[in-house]
Amino acid sequence: MPVLGLMVIALILTPLYAGEEFGWTSYLRPRILGGRTVPSVIATGLIWAAWHFPLAFIGYVELWSSS
């Protein structure tokens, strides 16, 4: 049952994650900072980090390993 559950979850989440990736790379990056490549990549990375950083506080991601 756990393997089947993971397969179902993967099928559900894959389009969601693909949509998020499309948003960051295909929509935001060309439109930010006039489309200049290096500054827009850096700005997109900083926005991405600020957007995802709060997830660490709710236990969704682990920032620092305890090993």
PDB file of N, CA and C in Angstrom:
ATOM      1  N   MET A   1       0.798  -1.210   0.000  1.00  0.00           N
ATOM      2  CA  MET A   1       0.000   0.000   0.000  1.00  0.00           C
ATOM      3  C   MET A   1       0.843   1.279   0.000  1.00  0.00           C
ATOM      4  N   PRO A   2       1.964   1.356   0.733  1.00  0.00           N
ATOM      5  CA  PRO A   2       2.744   2.595   0.713  1.00  0.00           C
ATOM      6  C   PRO A   2       3.263   2.953  -0.680  1.00  0.00           C
ATOM      7  N   VAL A   3       3.669   1.974  -1.471  1.00  0.00           N
ATOM      8  CA  VAL A   3       4.190   2.255  -2.808  1.00  0.00           C
ATOM      9  C   VAL A   3       3.080   2.812  -3.693  1.00  0.00           C
ATOM     10  N   LEU A   4       1.906   2.219  -3.613  1.00  0.00           N
ATOM     11  CA  LEU A   4       0.772   2.705  -4.388  1.00  0.00           C
ATOM     12  C   LEU A   4       0.410   4.131  -3.973  1.00  0.00           C
ATOM     13  N   GLY A   5       0.447   4.399  -2.689  1.00  0.00           N
ATOM     14  CA  GLY A   5       0.175   5.743  -2.198  1.00  0.00           C
ATOM     15  C   GLY A   5       1.171   6.764  -2.733  1.00  0.00           C
ATOM     16  N   LEU A   6       2.452   6.389  -2.748  1.00  0.00           N
ATOM     17  CA  LEU A   6       3.473   7.282  -3.294  1.00  0.00           C
ATOM     18  C   LEU A   6       3.267   7.532  -4.778  1.00  0.00           C
ATOM     19  N   MET A   7       2.853   6.510  -5.494  1.00  0.00           N
ATOM     20  CA  MET A   7       2.595   6.670  -6.923  1.00  0.00           C
ATOM     21  C   MET A   7       1.429   7.623  -7.162  1.00  0.00           C
ATOM     22  N   VAL A   8       0.400   7.519  -6.360  1.00  0.00           N
ATOM     23  CA  VAL A   8      -0.756   8.407  -6.498  1.00  0.00           C
ATOM     24  C   VAL A   8      -0.364   9.837  -6.159  1.00  0.00           C
ATOM     25  N   ILE A   9       0.380   9.999  -5.076  1.00  0.00           N
ATOM     26  CA  ILE A   9       0.826  11.334  -4.683  1.00  0.00           C
ATOM     27  C   ILE A   9       1.716  11.945  -5.763  1.00  0.00           C
ATOM     28  N   ALA A  10       2.598  11.148  -6.345  1.00  0.00           N
ATOM     29  CA  ALA A  10       3.472  11.647  -7.414  1.00  0.00           C
ATOM     30  C   ALA A  10       2.657  12.097  -8.615  1.00  0.00           C
ATOM     31  N   LEU A  11       1.627  11.351  -8.959  1.00  0.00           N
ATOM     32  CA  LEU A  11       0.776  11.737 -10.085  1.00  0.00           C
ATOM     33  C   LEU A  11       0.027  13.031  -9.812  1.00  0.00           C
ATOM     34  N   ILE A  12      -0.357  13.251  -8.584  1.00  0.00           N
ATOM     35  CA  ILE A  12      -1.086  14.467  -8.232  1.00  0.00           C
ATOM     36  C   ILE A  12      -0.148  15.670  -8.157  1.00  0.00           C
ATOM     37  N   LEU A  13       1.018  15.485  -7.539  1.00  0.00           N
ATOM     38  CA  LEU A  13       1.910  16.618  -7.292  1.00  0.00           C
ATOM     39  C   LEU A  13       2.759  17.023  -8.490  1.00  0.00           C
ATOM     40  N   THR A  14       3.018  16.117  -9.409  1.00  0.00           N
ATOM     41  CA  THR A  14       3.875  16.442 -10.548  1.00  0.00           C
ATOM     42  C   THR A  14       3.351  17.628 -11.345  1.00  0.00           C
ATOM     43  N   PRO A  15       2.071  17.680 -11.709  1.00  0.00           N
ATOM     44  CA  PRO A  15       1.603  18.874 -12.434  1.00  0.00           C
ATOM     45  C   PRO A  15       1.687  20.155 -11.602  1.00  0.00           C
ATOM     46  N   LEU A  16       1.491  20.039 -10.298  1.00  0.00           N
ATOM     47  CA  LEU A  16       1.596  21.226  -9.450  1.00  0.00           C
ATOM     48  C   LEU A  16       3.024  21.756  -9.422  1.00  0.00           C
ATOM     49  N   TYR A  17       3.984  20.867  -9.241  1.00  0.00           N
ATOM     50  CA  TYR A  17       5.384  21.292  -9.211  1.00  0.00           C
ATOM     51  C   TYR A  17       5.842  21.782 -10.576  1.00  0.00           C
ATOM     52  N   ALA A  18       5.356  21.171 -11.638  1.00  0.00           N
ATOM     53  CA  ALA A  18       5.704  21.630 -12.986  1.00  0.00           C
ATOM     54  C   ALA A  18       5.157  23.035 -13.213  1.00  0.00           C
ATOM     55  N   GLY A  19       3.955  23.291 -12.699  1.00  0.00           N
ATOM     56  CA  GLY A  19       3.384  24.625 -12.832  1.00  0.00           C
ATOM     57  C   GLY A  19       4.172  25.664 -12.061  1.00  0.00           C
ATOM     58  N   GLU A  20       4.646  25.302 -10.879  1.00  0.00           N
ATOM     59  CA  GLU A  20       5.457  26.230 -10.107  1.00  0.00           C
ATOM     60  C   GLU A  20       6.767  26.519 -10.839  1.00  0.00           C
ATOM     61  N   GLU A  21       7.392  25.488 -11.359  1.00  0.00           N
ATOM     62  CA  GLU A  21       8.652  25.671 -12.090  1.00  0.00           C
ATOM     63  C   GLU A  21       8.433  26.546 -13.325  1.00  0.00           C
ATOM     64  N   PHE A  22       7.336  26.319 -14.023  1.00  0.00           N
ATOM     65  CA  PHE A  22       7.008  27.159 -15.181  1.00  0.00           C
ATOM     66  C   PHE A  22       6.853  28.609 -14.751  1.00  0.00           C
ATOM     67  N   GLY A  23       6.204  28.817 -13.625  1.00  0.00           N
ATOM     68  CA  GLY A  23       6.010  30.180 -13.148  1.00  0.00           C
ATOM     69  C   GLY A  23       7.302  30.901 -12.844  1.00  0.00           C
ATOM     70  N   TRP A  24       8.218  30.211 -12.154  1.00  0.00           N
ATOM     71  CA  TRP A  24       9.486  30.855 -11.791  1.00  0.00           C
ATOM     72  C   TRP A  24      10.363  31.082 -13.017  1.00  0.00           C
ATOM     73  N   THR A  25      10.481  30.092 -13.875  1.00  0.00           N
ATOM     74  CA  THR A  25      11.468  30.188 -14.953  1.00  0.00           C
ATOM     75  C   THR A  25      10.922  30.750 -16.257  1.00  0.00           C
ATOM     76  N   SER A  26       9.709  30.420 -16.596  1.00  0.00           N
ATOM     77  CA  SER A  26       9.186  30.837 -17.893  1.00  0.00           C
ATOM     78  C   SER A  26       8.369  32.116 -17.827  1.00  0.00           C
ATOM     79  N   TYR A  27       7.820  32.424 -16.674  1.00  0.00           N
ATOM     80  CA  TYR A  27       7.010  33.638 -16.582  1.00  0.00           C
ATOM     81  C   TYR A  27       7.769  34.771 -15.890  1.00  0.00           C
ATOM     82  N   LEU A  28       8.276  34.511 -14.691  1.00  0.00           N
ATOM     83  CA  LEU A  28       8.888  35.580 -13.904  1.00  0.00           C
ATOM     84  C   LEU A  28      10.229  36.035 -14.462  1.00  0.00           C
ATOM     85  N   ARG A  29      11.116  35.098 -14.731  1.00  0.00           N
ATOM     86  CA  ARG A  29      12.489  35.476 -15.077  1.00  0.00           C
ATOM     87  C   ARG A  29      12.592  36.381 -16.303  1.00  0.00           C
ATOM     88  N   PRO A  30      11.900  36.109 -17.415  1.00  0.00           N
ATOM     89  CA  PRO A  30      12.035  37.029 -18.563  1.00  0.00           C
ATOM     90  C   PRO A  30      11.419  38.406 -18.318  1.00  0.00           C
ATOM     91  N   ARG A  31      10.512  38.521 -17.365  1.00  0.00           N
ATOM     92  CA  ARG A  31       9.803  39.784 -17.143  1.00  0.00           C
ATOM     93  C   ARG A  31      10.443  40.660 -16.071  1.00  0.00           C
ATOM     94  N   ILE A  32      11.354  40.111 -15.295  1.00  0.00           N
ATOM     95  CA  ILE A  32      11.939  40.860 -14.198  1.00  0.00           C
ATOM     96  C   ILE A  32      13.244  41.520 -14.660  1.00  0.00           C
ATOM     97  N   LEU A  33      13.462  42.740 -14.223  1.00  0.00           N
ATOM     98  CA  LEU A  33      14.690  43.504 -14.517  1.00  0.00           C
ATOM     99  C   LEU A  33      14.965  43.624 -16.014  1.00  0.00           C
ATOM    100  N   GLY A  34      13.937  43.797 -16.777  1.00  0.00           N
ATOM    101  CA  GLY A  34      14.113  44.030 -18.208  1.00  0.00           C
ATOM    102  C   GLY A  34      14.654  42.843 -18.984  1.00  0.00           C
ATOM    103  N   GLY A  35      14.606  41.660 -18.431  1.00  0.00           N
ATOM    104  CA  GLY A  35      15.056  40.477 -19.140  1.00  0.00           C
ATOM    105  C   GLY A  35      16.569  40.295 -19.185  1.00  0.00           C
ATOM    106  N   ARG A  36      17.317  41.136 -18.456  1.00  0.00           N
ATOM    107  CA  ARG A  36      18.781  40.947 -18.421  1.00  0.00           C
ATOM    108  C   ARG A  36      19.066  39.628 -17.711  1.00  0.00           C
ATOM    109  N   THR A  37      19.841  38.769 -18.327  1.00  0.00           N
ATOM    110  CA  THR A  37      19.970  37.382 -17.891  1.00  0.00           C
ATOM    111  C   THR A  37      20.488  37.225 -16.470  1.00  0.00           C
ATOM    112  N   VAL A  38      21.694  37.667 -16.195  1.00  0.00           N
ATOM    113  CA  VAL A  38      22.299  37.415 -14.891  1.00  0.00           C
ATOM    114  C   VAL A  38      21.542  38.117 -13.760  1.00  0.00           C
ATOM    115  N   PRO A  39      21.221  39.401 -13.885  1.00  0.00           N
ATOM    116  CA  PRO A  39      20.454  40.027 -12.794  1.00  0.00           C
ATOM    117  C   PRO A  39      19.072  39.402 -12.592  1.00  0.00           C
ATOM    118  N   SER A  40      18.419  38.994 -13.671  1.00  0.00           N
ATOM    119  CA  SER A  40      17.092  38.394 -13.513  1.00  0.00           C
ATOM    120  C   SER A  40      17.179  37.018 -12.866  1.00  0.00           C
ATOM    121  N   VAL A  41      18.228  36.265 -13.151  1.00  0.00           N
ATOM    122  CA  VAL A  41      18.410  34.965 -12.505  1.00  0.00           C
ATOM    123  C   VAL A  41      18.672  35.154 -11.010  1.00  0.00           C
ATOM    124  N   ILE A  42      19.504  36.117 -10.667  1.00  0.00           N
ATOM    125  CA  ILE A  42      19.800  36.378  -9.251  1.00  0.00           C
ATOM    126  C   ILE A  42      18.541  36.857  -8.526  1.00  0.00           C
ATOM    127  N   ALA A  43      17.804  37.777  -9.135  1.00  0.00           N
ATOM    128  CA  ALA A  43      16.578  38.279  -8.509  1.00  0.00           C
ATOM    129  C   ALA A  43      15.541  37.173  -8.350  1.00  0.00           C
ATOM    130  N   THR A  44      15.397  36.347  -9.365  1.00  0.00           N
ATOM    131  CA  THR A  44      14.447  35.231  -9.277  1.00  0.00           C
ATOM    132  C   THR A  44      14.861  34.266  -8.172  1.00  0.00           C
ATOM    133  N   GLY A  45      16.146  34.000  -8.051  1.00  0.00           N
ATOM    134  CA  GLY A  45      16.633  33.122  -6.991  1.00  0.00           C
ATOM    135  C   GLY A  45      16.373  33.692  -5.604  1.00  0.00           C
ATOM    136  N   LEU A  46      16.552  34.989  -5.441  1.00  0.00           N
ATOM    137  CA  LEU A  46      16.287  35.624  -4.149  1.00  0.00           C
ATOM    138  C   LEU A  46      14.790  35.611  -3.818  1.00  0.00           C
ATOM    139  N   ILE A  47      13.958  35.870  -4.818  1.00  0.00           N
ATOM    140  CA  ILE A  47      12.506  35.813  -4.598  1.00  0.00           C
ATOM    141  C   ILE A  47      12.086  34.389  -4.271  1.00  0.00           C
ATOM    142  N   TRP A  48      12.635  33.423  -4.995  1.00  0.00           N
ATOM    143  CA  TRP A  48      12.318  32.008  -4.744  1.00  0.00           C
ATOM    144  C   TRP A  48      12.705  31.634  -3.306  1.00  0.00           C
ATOM    145  N   ALA A  49      13.893  32.060  -2.874  1.00  0.00           N
ATOM    146  CA  ALA A  49      14.359  31.738  -1.521  1.00  0.00           C
ATOM    147  C   ALA A  49      13.465  32.377  -0.468  1.00  0.00           C
ATOM    148  N   ALA A  50      13.094  33.646  -0.669  1.00  0.00           N
ATOM    149  CA  ALA A  50      12.228  34.320   0.293  1.00  0.00           C
ATOM    150  C   ALA A  50      10.846  33.673   0.341  1.00  0.00           C
ATOM    151  N   TRP A  51      10.382  33.194  -0.800  1.00  0.00           N
ATOM    152  CA  TRP A  51       9.062  32.548  -0.868  1.00  0.00           C
ATOM    153  C   TRP A  51       9.066  31.193  -0.164  1.00  0.00           C
ATOM    154  N   HIS A  52      10.156  30.432  -0.308  1.00  0.00           N
ATOM    155  CA  HIS A  52      10.205  29.075   0.232  1.00  0.00           C
ATOM    156  C   HIS A  52      10.796  28.992   1.642  1.00  0.00           C
ATOM    157  N   PHE A  53      11.493  30.012   2.092  1.00  0.00           N
ATOM    158  CA  PHE A  53      12.135  29.961   3.405  1.00  0.00           C
ATOM    159  C   PHE A  53      11.145  29.715   4.540  1.00  0.00           C
ATOM    160  N   PRO A  54       9.960  30.322   4.549  1.00  0.00           N
ATOM    161  CA  PRO A  54       9.010  30.056   5.651  1.00  0.00           C
ATOM    162  C   PRO A  54       8.597  28.584   5.762  1.00  0.00           C
ATOM    163  N   LEU A  55       8.729  27.815   4.711  1.00  0.00           N
ATOM    164  CA  LEU A  55       8.377  26.398   4.782  1.00  0.00           C
ATOM    165  C   LEU A  55       9.226  25.655   5.810  1.00  0.00           C
ATOM    166  N   ALA A  56      10.421  26.148   6.071  1.00  0.00           N
ATOM    167  CA  ALA A  56      11.287  25.513   7.069  1.00  0.00           C
ATOM    168  C   ALA A  56      10.699  25.635   8.470  1.00  0.00           C
ATOM    169  N   PHE A  57       9.952  26.691   8.714  1.00  0.00           N
ATOM    170  CA  PHE A  57       9.396  26.916  10.042  1.00  0.00           C
ATOM    171  C   PHE A  57       8.154  26.079  10.321  1.00  0.00           C
ATOM    172  N   ILE A  58       7.542  25.546   9.281  1.00  0.00           N
ATOM    173  CA  ILE A  58       6.382  24.682   9.488  1.00  0.00           C
ATOM    174  C   ILE A  58       6.751  23.213   9.328  1.00  0.00           C
ATOM    175  N   GLY A  59       8.055  22.939   9.151  1.00  0.00           N
ATOM    176  CA  GLY A  59       8.521  21.566   9.094  1.00  0.00           C
ATOM    177  C   GLY A  59       8.461  20.922   7.725  1.00  0.00           C
ATOM    178  N   TYR A  60       8.201  21.699   6.675  1.00  0.00           N
ATOM    179  CA  TYR A  60       8.093  21.130   5.332  1.00  0.00           C
ATOM    180  C   TYR A  60       9.452  20.765   4.758  1.00  0.00           C
ATOM    181  N   VAL A  61      10.462  21.577   5.057  1.00  0.00           N
ATOM    182  CA  VAL A  61      11.831  21.311   4.594  1.00  0.00           C
ATOM    183  C   VAL A  61      12.759  21.391   5.788  1.00  0.00           C
ATOM    184  N   GLU A  62      13.911  20.761   5.662  1.00  0.00           N
ATOM    185  CA  GLU A  62      14.915  20.808   6.719  1.00  0.00           C
ATOM    186  C   GLU A  62      16.094  21.614   6.219  1.00  0.00           C
ATOM    187  N   LEU A  63      16.374  22.733   6.893  1.00  0.00           N
ATOM    188  CA  LEU A  63      17.466  23.615   6.454  1.00  0.00           C
ATOM    189  C   LEU A  63      18.829  23.088   6.878  1.00  0.00           C
ATOM    190  N   TRP A  64      18.934  22.665   8.105  1.00  0.00           N
ATOM    191  CA  TRP A  64      20.230  22.232   8.610  1.00  0.00           C
ATOM    192  C   TRP A  64      20.113  20.798   9.088  1.00  0.00           C
ATOM    193  N   SER A  65      21.045  19.997   8.666  1.00  0.00           N
ATOM    194  CA  SER A  65      21.047  18.588   9.065  1.00  0.00           C
ATOM    195  C   SER A  65      21.627  18.463  10.466  1.00  0.00           C
ATOM    196  N   SER A  66      21.077  17.561  11.249  1.00  0.00           N
ATOM    197  CA  SER A  66      21.560  17.374  12.613  1.00  0.00           C
ATOM    198  C   SER A  66      22.663  16.322  12.691  1.00  0.00           C
ATOM    199  N   SER A  67      23.111  15.831  11.546  1.00  0.00           N
ATOM    200  CA  SER A  67      24.149  14.786  11.572  1.00  0.00           C
ATOM    201  C   SER A  67      25.538  15.356  11.636  1.00  0.00           C
TER     202      SER A  67
END
